[in-house]
Amino acid sequence: GTTDFGTAGYGGPCPPVGDRPHRYVFTVHALKVERLDLP
């Protein structure tokens, strides 16, 4: 899908130089449907 960067694909972490480390949460979901019928 479209990320919050406005594109598809993995955007990777990129906190500002010198900023405290940022948290990145990776989540995998098990669904009750075989697929999501989304554009």
All heavy atoms as atom14 arrays in JSON, in Angstrom:
{
  "sequence": "GTTDFGTAGYGGPCPPVGDRPHRYVFTVHALKVERLDLP",
  "atom14_mask": [
    [1, 1, 1, 1, 0, 0, 0, 0, 0, 0, 0, 0, 0, 0],
    [1, 1, 1, 1, 1, 1, 1, 0, 0, 0, 0, 0, 0, 0],
    [1, 1, 1, 1, 1, 1, 1, 0, 0, 0, 0, 0, 0, 0],
    [1, 1, 1, 1, 1, 1, 1, 1, 0, 0, 0, 0, 0, 0],
    [1, 1, 1, 1, 1, 1, 1, 1, 1, 1, 1, 0, 0, 0],
    [1, 1, 1, 1, 0, 0, 0, 0, 0, 0, 0, 0, 0, 0],
    [1, 1, 1, 1, 1, 1, 1, 0, 0, 0, 0, 0, 0, 0],
    [1, 1, 1, 1, 1, 0, 0, 0, 0, 0, 0, 0, 0, 0],
    [1, 1, 1, 1, 0, 0, 0, 0, 0, 0, 0, 0, 0, 0],
    [1, 1, 1, 1, 1, 1, 1, 1, 1, 1, 1, 1, 0, 0],
    [1, 1, 1, 1, 0, 0, 0, 0, 0, 0, 0, 0, 0, 0],
    [1, 1, 1, 1, 0, 0, 0, 0, 0, 0, 0, 0, 0, 0],
    [1, 1, 1, 1, 1, 1, 1, 0, 0, 0, 0, 0, 0, 0],
    [1, 1, 1, 1, 1, 1, 0, 0, 0, 0, 0, 0, 0, 0],
    [1, 1, 1, 1, 1, 1, 1, 0, 0, 0, 0, 0, 0, 0],
    [1, 1, 1, 1, 1, 1, 1, 0, 0, 0, 0, 0, 0, 0],
    [1, 1, 1, 1, 1, 1, 1, 0, 0, 0, 0, 0, 0, 0],
    [1, 1, 1, 1, 0, 0, 0, 0, 0, 0, 0, 0, 0, 0],
    [1, 1, 1, 1, 1, 1, 1, 1, 0, 0, 0, 0, 0, 0],
    [1, 1, 1, 1, 1, 1, 1, 1, 1, 1, 1, 0, 0, 0],
    [1, 1, 1, 1, 1, 1, 1, 0, 0, 0, 0, 0, 0, 0],
    [1, 1, 1, 1, 1, 1, 1, 1, 1, 1, 0, 0, 0, 0],
    [1, 1, 1, 1, 1, 1, 1, 1, 1, 1, 1, 0, 0, 0],
    [1, 1, 1, 1, 1, 1, 1, 1, 1, 1, 1, 1, 0, 0],
    [1, 1, 1, 1, 1, 1, 1, 0, 0, 0, 0, 0, 0, 0],
    [1, 1, 1, 1, 1, 1, 1, 1, 1, 1, 1, 0, 0, 0],
    [1, 1, 1, 1, 1, 1, 1, 0, 0, 0, 0, 0, 0, 0],
    [1, 1, 1, 1, 1, 1, 1, 0, 0, 0, 0, 0, 0, 0],
    [1, 1, 1, 1, 1, 1, 1, 1, 1, 1, 0, 0, 0, 0],
    [1, 1, 1, 1, 1, 0, 0, 0, 0, 0, 0, 0, 0, 0],
    [1, 1, 1, 1, 1, 1, 1, 1, 0, 0, 0, 0, 0, 0],
    [1, 1, 1, 1, 1, 1, 1, 1, 1, 0, 0, 0, 0, 0],
    [1, 1, 1, 1, 1, 1, 1, 0, 0, 0, 0, 0, 0, 0],
    [1, 1, 1, 1, 1, 1, 1, 1, 1, 0, 0, 0, 0, 0],
    [1, 1, 1, 1, 1, 1, 1, 1, 1, 1, 1, 0, 0, 0],
    [1, 1, 1, 1, 1, 1, 1, 1, 0, 0, 0, 0, 0, 0],
    [1, 1, 1, 1, 1, 1, 1, 1, 0, 0, 0, 0, 0, 0],
    [1, 1, 1, 1, 1, 1, 1, 1, 0, 0, 0, 0, 0, 0],
    [1, 1, 1, 1, 1, 1, 1, 0, 0, 0, 0, 0, 0, 0]
  ],
  "atom14_positions": [
    [[0.83, -1.19, 0.0], [0.0, 0.0, 0.0], [0.87, 1.24, 0.0], [2.1, 1.17, -0.04], [0.0, 0.0, 0.0], [0.0, 0.0, 0.0], [0.0, 0.0, 0.0], [0.0, 0.0, 0.0], [0.0, 0.0, 0.0], [0.0, 0.0, 0.0], [0.0, 0.0, 0.0], [0.0, 0.0, 0.0], [0.0, 0.0, 0.0], [0.0, 0.0, 0.0]],
    [[0.21, 2.39, 0.05], [0.9, 3.67, 0.06], [1.31, 4.01, 1.49], [0.47, 4.07, 2.38], [-0.01, 4.77, -0.51], [-0.41, 4.38, -1.82], [0.71, 6.1, -0.57], [0.0, 0.0, 0.0], [0.0, 0.0, 0.0], [0.0, 0.0, 0.0], [0.0, 0.0, 0.0], [0.0, 0.0, 0.0], [0.0, 0.0, 0.0], [0.0, 0.0, 0.0]],
    [[2.59, 4.22, 1.7], [3.09, 4.57, 3.04], [2.79, 6.03, 3.35], [2.28, 6.78, 2.49], [4.62, 4.37, 3.12], [5.24, 5.34, 2.26], [5.02, 2.96, 2.71], [0.0, 0.0, 0.0], [0.0, 0.0, 0.0], [0.0, 0.0, 0.0], [0.0, 0.0, 0.0], [0.0, 0.0, 0.0], [0.0, 0.0, 0.0], [0.0, 0.0, 0.0]],
    [[3.14, 6.45, 4.55], [2.98, 7.86, 4.9], [4.01, 8.75, 4.2], [3.92, 9.97, 4.28], [3.02, 8.04, 6.42], [1.74, 7.54, 7.06], [0.67, 7.62, 6.42], [1.78, 7.06, 8.21], [0.0, 0.0, 0.0], [0.0, 0.0, 0.0], [0.0, 0.0, 0.0], [0.0, 0.0, 0.0], [0.0, 0.0, 0.0], [0.0, 0.0, 0.0]],
    [[4.96, 8.15, 3.48], [5.86, 8.91, 2.62], [5.16, 9.27, 1.31], [5.66, 10.05, 0.52], [7.13, 8.11, 2.28], [8.06, 7.87, 3.44], [8.18, 6.61, 4.0], [8.82, 8.91, 3.96], [9.06, 6.39, 5.05], [9.69, 8.69, 5.01], [9.8, 7.43, 5.57], [0.0, 0.0, 0.0], [0.0, 0.0, 0.0], [0.0, 0.0, 0.0]],
    [[4.01, 8.6, 1.05], [3.25, 8.85, -0.17], [3.6, 7.92, -1.31], [3.17, 8.12, -2.43], [0.0, 0.0, 0.0], [0.0, 0.0, 0.0], [0.0, 0.0, 0.0], [0.0, 0.0, 0.0], [0.0, 0.0, 0.0], [0.0, 0.0, 0.0], [0.0, 0.0, 0.0], [0.0, 0.0, 0.0], [0.0, 0.0, 0.0], [0.0, 0.0, 0.0]],
    [[4.39, 6.88, -1.02], [4.81, 5.93, -2.05], [4.7, 4.51, -1.52], [4.52, 4.28, -0.33], [6.28, 6.18, -2.45], [7.1, 6.01, -1.28], [6.48, 7.56, -3.03], [0.0, 0.0, 0.0], [0.0, 0.0, 0.0], [0.0, 0.0, 0.0], [0.0, 0.0, 0.0], [0.0, 0.0, 0.0], [0.0, 0.0, 0.0], [0.0, 0.0, 0.0]],
    [[4.85, 3.55, -2.41], [4.94, 2.14, -2.01], [6.39, 1.83, -1.71], [7.3, 2.54, -2.11], [4.44, 1.24, -3.14], [0.0, 0.0, 0.0], [0.0, 0.0, 0.0], [0.0, 0.0, 0.0], [0.0, 0.0, 0.0], [0.0, 0.0, 0.0], [0.0, 0.0, 0.0], [0.0, 0.0, 0.0], [0.0, 0.0, 0.0], [0.0, 0.0, 0.0]],
    [[6.62, 0.75, -0.97], [7.97, 0.31, -0.64], [8.36, 0.71, 0.77], [7.75, 1.58, 1.38], [0.0, 0.0, 0.0], [0.0, 0.0, 0.0], [0.0, 0.0, 0.0], [0.0, 0.0, 0.0], [0.0, 0.0, 0.0], [0.0, 0.0, 0.0], [0.0, 0.0, 0.0], [0.0, 0.0, 0.0], [0.0, 0.0, 0.0], [0.0, 0.0, 0.0]],
    [[9.38, 0.04, 1.27], [9.86, 0.27, 2.63], [10.66, 1.56, 2.68], [11.65, 1.72, 1.97], [10.71, -0.92, 3.08], [11.29, -0.77, 4.45], [10.47, -0.61, 5.56], [12.66, -0.8, 4.65], [11.01, -0.47, 6.83], [13.21, -0.67, 5.91], [12.36, -0.51, 7.0], [12.9, -0.37, 8.25], [0.0, 0.0, 0.0], [0.0, 0.0, 0.0]],
    [[10.24, 2.49, 3.55], [10.91, 3.78, 3.67], [12.07, 3.8, 4.63], [12.89, 4.7, 4.59], [0.0, 0.0, 0.0], [0.0, 0.0, 0.0], [0.0, 0.0, 0.0], [0.0, 0.0, 0.0], [0.0, 0.0, 0.0], [0.0, 0.0, 0.0], [0.0, 0.0, 0.0], [0.0, 0.0, 0.0], [0.0, 0.0, 0.0], [0.0, 0.0, 0.0]],
    [[12.16, 2.83, 5.5], [13.28, 2.74, 6.43], [13.33, 3.86, 7.45], [12.75, 4.91, 7.27], [0.0, 0.0, 0.0], [0.0, 0.0, 0.0], [0.0, 0.0, 0.0], [0.0, 0.0, 0.0], [0.0, 0.0, 0.0], [0.0, 0.0, 0.0], [0.0, 0.0, 0.0], [0.0, 0.0, 0.0], [0.0, 0.0, 0.0], [0.0, 0.0, 0.0]],
    [[14.03, 3.62, 8.55], [14.15, 4.63, 9.59], [15.13, 5.73, 9.18], [16.1, 5.46, 8.51], [14.68, 3.84, 10.79], [15.41, 2.7, 10.19], [14.69, 2.36, 8.91], [0.0, 0.0, 0.0], [0.0, 0.0, 0.0], [0.0, 0.0, 0.0], [0.0, 0.0, 0.0], [0.0, 0.0, 0.0], [0.0, 0.0, 0.0], [0.0, 0.0, 0.0]],
    [[14.83, 6.94, 9.61], [15.73, 8.05, 9.28], [15.49, 9.21, 10.25], [15.06, 10.29, 9.84], [15.52, 8.49, 7.84], [16.81, 9.63, 7.28], [0.0, 0.0, 0.0], [0.0, 0.0, 0.0], [0.0, 0.0, 0.0], [0.0, 0.0, 0.0], [0.0, 0.0, 0.0], [0.0, 0.0, 0.0], [0.0, 0.0, 0.0], [0.0, 0.0, 0.0]],
    [[15.76, 8.98, 11.54], [15.57, 10.09, 12.48], [16.59, 11.2, 12.23], [17.65, 10.94, 11.65], [15.81, 9.43, 13.84], [16.64, 8.24, 13.55], [16.28, 7.79, 12.18], [0.0, 0.0, 0.0], [0.0, 0.0, 0.0], [0.0, 0.0, 0.0], [0.0, 0.0, 0.0], [0.0, 0.0, 0.0], [0.0, 0.0, 0.0], [0.0, 0.0, 0.0]],
    [[16.28, 12.41, 12.63], [17.23, 13.51, 12.42], [18.56, 13.24, 13.13], [18.59, 12.65, 14.22], [16.54, 14.71, 13.06], [15.09, 14.35, 13.09], [15.04, 12.86, 13.25], [0.0, 0.0, 0.0], [0.0, 0.0, 0.0], [0.0, 0.0, 0.0], [0.0, 0.0, 0.0], [0.0, 0.0, 0.0], [0.0, 0.0, 0.0], [0.0, 0.0, 0.0]],
    [[19.65, 13.65, 12.51], [20.98, 13.5, 13.09], [21.01, 14.22, 14.44], [20.56, 15.36, 14.56], [22.06, 14.07, 12.15], [23.42, 14.05, 12.81], [22.09, 13.27, 10.86], [0.0, 0.0, 0.0], [0.0, 0.0, 0.0], [0.0, 0.0, 0.0], [0.0, 0.0, 0.0], [0.0, 0.0, 0.0], [0.0, 0.0, 0.0], [0.0, 0.0, 0.0]],
    [[21.51, 13.53, 15.46], [21.64, 14.12, 16.79], [20.4, 14.0, 17.65], [20.46, 14.25, 18.85], [0.0, 0.0, 0.0], [0.0, 0.0, 0.0], [0.0, 0.0, 0.0], [0.0, 0.0, 0.0], [0.0, 0.0, 0.0], [0.0, 0.0, 0.0], [0.0, 0.0, 0.0], [0.0, 0.0, 0.0], [0.0, 0.0, 0.0], [0.0, 0.0, 0.0]],
    [[19.27, 13.61, 17.06], [18.05, 13.41, 17.84], [18.18, 12.12, 18.65], [18.96, 11.23, 18.3], [16.86, 13.31, 16.89], [15.54, 13.74, 17.52], [15.55, 14.23, 18.66], [14.51, 13.61, 16.84], [0.0, 0.0, 0.0], [0.0, 0.0, 0.0], [0.0, 0.0, 0.0], [0.0, 0.0, 0.0], [0.0, 0.0, 0.0], [0.0, 0.0, 0.0]],
    [[17.43, 12.02, 19.73], [17.41, 10.76, 20.47], [16.92, 9.65, 19.55], [16.16, 9.92, 18.62], [16.48, 10.87, 21.68], [17.03, 11.77, 22.75], [16.18, 11.73, 23.99], [14.8, 12.11, 23.65], [13.78, 12.09, 24.49], [13.97, 11.72, 25.73], [12.59, 12.45, 24.11], [0.0, 0.0, 0.0], [0.0, 0.0, 0.0], [0.0, 0.0, 0.0]],
    [[17.33, 8.41, 19.79], [16.84, 7.31, 18.94], [15.31, 7.27, 18.92], [14.66, 7.5, 19.94], [17.42, 6.07, 19.61], [18.66, 6.56, 20.28], [18.31, 7.94, 20.78], [0.0, 0.0, 0.0], [0.0, 0.0, 0.0], [0.0, 0.0, 0.0], [0.0, 0.0, 0.0], [0.0, 0.0, 0.0], [0.0, 0.0, 0.0], [0.0, 0.0, 0.0]],
    [[14.77, 7.02, 17.75], [13.32, 6.91, 17.58], [12.89, 5.45, 17.69], [13.66, 4.55, 17.38], [12.91, 7.43, 16.2], [13.03, 8.91, 16.07], [12.39, 9.59, 15.07], [13.69, 9.85, 16.79], [12.65, 10.89, 15.17], [13.45, 11.06, 16.2], [0.0, 0.0, 0.0], [0.0, 0.0, 0.0], [0.0, 0.0, 0.0], [0.0, 0.0, 0.0]],
    [[11.65, 5.25, 18.11], [11.07, 3.91, 18.21], [10.42, 3.54, 16.89], [9.72, 4.35, 16.29], [10.01, 3.85, 19.31], [10.53, 4.04, 20.7], [9.41, 3.99, 21.75], [8.27, 4.82, 21.4], [7.04, 4.37, 21.19], [6.76, 3.1, 21.29], [6.06, 5.19, 20.87], [0.0, 0.0, 0.0], [0.0, 0.0, 0.0], [0.0, 0.0, 0.0]],
    [[10.64, 2.3, 16.45], [10.0, 1.78, 15.25], [9.36, 0.46, 15.63], [10.02, -0.44, 16.14], [11.03, 1.58, 14.13], [11.62, 2.91, 13.69], [12.72, 3.45, 14.33], [11.02, 3.62, 12.67], [13.23, 4.69, 13.94], [11.53, 4.86, 12.28], [12.63, 5.38, 12.92], [13.11, 6.61, 12.55], [0.0, 0.0, 0.0], [0.0, 0.0, 0.0]],
    [[8.06, 0.35, 15.39], [7.3, -0.84, 15.77], [7.01, -1.65, 14.51], [6.45, -1.14, 13.54], [5.98, -0.45, 16.47], [5.2, -1.7, 16.86], [6.25, 0.43, 17.68], [0.0, 0.0, 0.0], [0.0, 0.0, 0.0], [0.0, 0.0, 0.0], [0.0, 0.0, 0.0], [0.0, 0.0, 0.0], [0.0, 0.0, 0.0], [0.0, 0.0, 0.0]],
    [[7.41, -2.91, 14.53], [7.17, -3.84, 13.43], [6.08, -4.8, 13.88], [6.2, -5.42, 14.94], [8.45, -4.63, 13.11], [9.58, -3.76, 12.64], [10.37, -3.06, 13.55], [9.86, -3.64, 11.29], [11.41, -2.25, 13.12], [10.9, -2.83, 10.86], [11.68, -2.13, 11.76], [0.0, 0.0, 0.0], [0.0, 0.0, 0.0], [0.0, 0.0, 0.0]],
    [[5.02, -4.94, 13.08], [3.88, -5.77, 13.48], [3.46, -6.66, 12.33], [3.42, -6.22, 11.18], [2.68, -4.88, 13.89], [3.09, -3.99, 14.92], [1.52, -5.74, 14.4], [0.0, 0.0, 0.0], [0.0, 0.0, 0.0], [0.0, 0.0, 0.0], [0.0, 0.0, 0.0], [0.0, 0.0, 0.0], [0.0, 0.0, 0.0], [0.0, 0.0, 0.0]],
    [[3.17, -7.9, 12.65], [2.59, -8.85, 11.7], [1.22, -9.24, 12.25], [1.05, -9.37, 13.46], [3.52, -10.07, 11.48], [3.72, -10.86, 12.75], [2.99, -10.94, 10.36], [0.0, 0.0, 0.0], [0.0, 0.0, 0.0], [0.0, 0.0, 0.0], [0.0, 0.0, 0.0], [0.0, 0.0, 0.0], [0.0, 0.0, 0.0], [0.0, 0.0, 0.0]],
    [[0.25, -9.38, 11.35], [-1.13, -9.67, 11.75], [-1.58, -11.0, 11.14], [-1.3, -11.27, 9.98], [-2.08, -8.58, 11.25], [-1.72, -7.21, 11.72], [-2.22, -6.68, 12.88], [-0.92, -6.26, 11.19], [-1.75, -5.45, 13.04], [-0.94, -5.17, 12.04], [0.0, 0.0, 0.0], [0.0, 0.0, 0.0], [0.0, 0.0, 0.0], [0.0, 0.0, 0.0]],
    [[-2.31, -11.77, 11.92], [-3.02, -12.95, 11.42], [-4.47, -12.53, 11.25], [-5.07, -11.97, 12.18], [-2.92, -14.11, 12.41], [0.0, 0.0, 0.0], [0.0, 0.0, 0.0], [0.0, 0.0, 0.0], [0.0, 0.0, 0.0], [0.0, 0.0, 0.0], [0.0, 0.0, 0.0], [0.0, 0.0, 0.0], [0.0, 0.0, 0.0], [0.0, 0.0, 0.0]],
    [[-5.02, -12.79, 10.07], [-6.37, -12.33, 9.77], [-7.36, -13.48, 9.65], [-6.97, -14.61, 9.36], [-6.37, -11.52, 8.46], [-5.41, -10.34, 8.4], [-5.55, -9.63, 7.05], [-5.66, -9.38, 9.54], [0.0, 0.0, 0.0], [0.0, 0.0, 0.0], [0.0, 0.0, 0.0], [0.0, 0.0, 0.0], [0.0, 0.0, 0.0], [0.0, 0.0, 0.0]],
    [[-8.63, -13.16, 9.83], [-9.68, -14.17, 9.7], [-10.15, -14.32, 8.25], [-11.02, -15.13, 7.97], [-10.85, -13.83, 10.61], [-11.51, -12.5, 10.33], [-12.57, -12.18, 11.38], [-13.12, -10.78, 11.18], [-14.03, -10.42, 12.27], [0.0, 0.0, 0.0], [0.0, 0.0, 0.0], [0.0, 0.0, 0.0], [0.0, 0.0, 0.0], [0.0, 0.0, 0.0]],
    [[-9.56, -13.55, 7.36], [-9.85, -13.65, 5.92], [-8.56, -14.0, 5.2], [-7.47, -13.7, 5.67], [-10.45, -12.33, 5.37], [-11.81, -12.05, 5.98], [-9.51, -11.16, 5.59], [0.0, 0.0, 0.0], [0.0, 0.0, 0.0], [0.0, 0.0, 0.0], [0.0, 0.0, 0.0], [0.0, 0.0, 0.0], [0.0, 0.0, 0.0], [0.0, 0.0, 0.0]],
    [[-8.7, -14.65, 4.05], [-7.5, -15.05, 3.31], [-6.78, -13.85, 2.7], [-5.56, -13.84, 2.59], [-7.87, -16.05, 2.2], [-6.66, -16.65, 1.53], [-7.0, -17.84, 0.68], [-7.94, -18.58, 1.01], [-6.31, -18.01, -0.35], [0.0, 0.0, 0.0], [0.0, 0.0, 0.0], [0.0, 0.0, 0.0], [0.0, 0.0, 0.0], [0.0, 0.0, 0.0]],
    [[-7.54, -12.84, 2.32], [-6.93, -11.66, 1.71], [-7.81, -10.45, 1.95], [-9.01, -10.58, 2.17], [-6.68, -11.87, 0.22], [-7.93, -12.11, -0.61], [-7.67, -12.4, -2.09], [-6.78, -11.48, -2.73], [-7.13, -10.32, -3.25], [-8.38, -9.92, -3.2], [-6.25, -9.55, -3.83], [0.0, 0.0, 0.0], [0.0, 0.0, 0.0], [0.0, 0.0, 0.0]],
    [[-7.21, -9.28, 1.89], [-7.94, -8.03, 1.96], [-8.17, -7.56, 0.53], [-7.22, -7.45, -0.25], [-7.14, -6.97, 2.74], [-6.88, -7.26, 4.21], [-5.99, -6.17, 4.81], [-8.18, -7.38, 4.98], [0.0, 0.0, 0.0], [0.0, 0.0, 0.0], [0.0, 0.0, 0.0], [0.0, 0.0, 0.0], [0.0, 0.0, 0.0], [0.0, 0.0, 0.0]],
    [[-9.41, -7.31, 0.19], [-9.75, -6.88, -1.16], [-9.7, -5.36, -1.21], [-10.72, -4.68, -1.1], [-11.13, -7.39, -1.55], [-11.44, -7.18, -3.02], [-10.49, -7.02, -3.81], [-12.64, -7.15, -3.37], [0.0, 0.0, 0.0], [0.0, 0.0, 0.0], [0.0, 0.0, 0.0], [0.0, 0.0, 0.0], [0.0, 0.0, 0.0], [0.0, 0.0, 0.0]],
    [[-8.49, -4.83, -1.33], [-8.25, -3.39, -1.31], [-7.52, -2.98, -2.58], [-6.77, -3.77, -3.16], [-7.39, -3.01, -0.1], [-7.91, -3.44, 1.26], [-6.88, -3.1, 2.34], [-9.24, -2.77, 1.56], [0.0, 0.0, 0.0], [0.0, 0.0, 0.0], [0.0, 0.0, 0.0], [0.0, 0.0, 0.0], [0.0, 0.0, 0.0], [0.0, 0.0, 0.0]],
    [[-7.68, -1.74, -3.0], [-6.93, -1.28, -4.18], [-5.44, -1.21, -3.89], [-5.04, -0.99, -2.74], [-7.51, 0.11, -4.46], [-8.1, 0.55, -3.17], [-8.54, -0.69, -2.45], [0.0, 0.0, 0.0], [0.0, 0.0, 0.0], [0.0, 0.0, 0.0], [0.0, 0.0, 0.0], [0.0, 0.0, 0.0], [0.0, 0.0, 0.0], [0.0, 0.0, 0.0]]
  ]
}
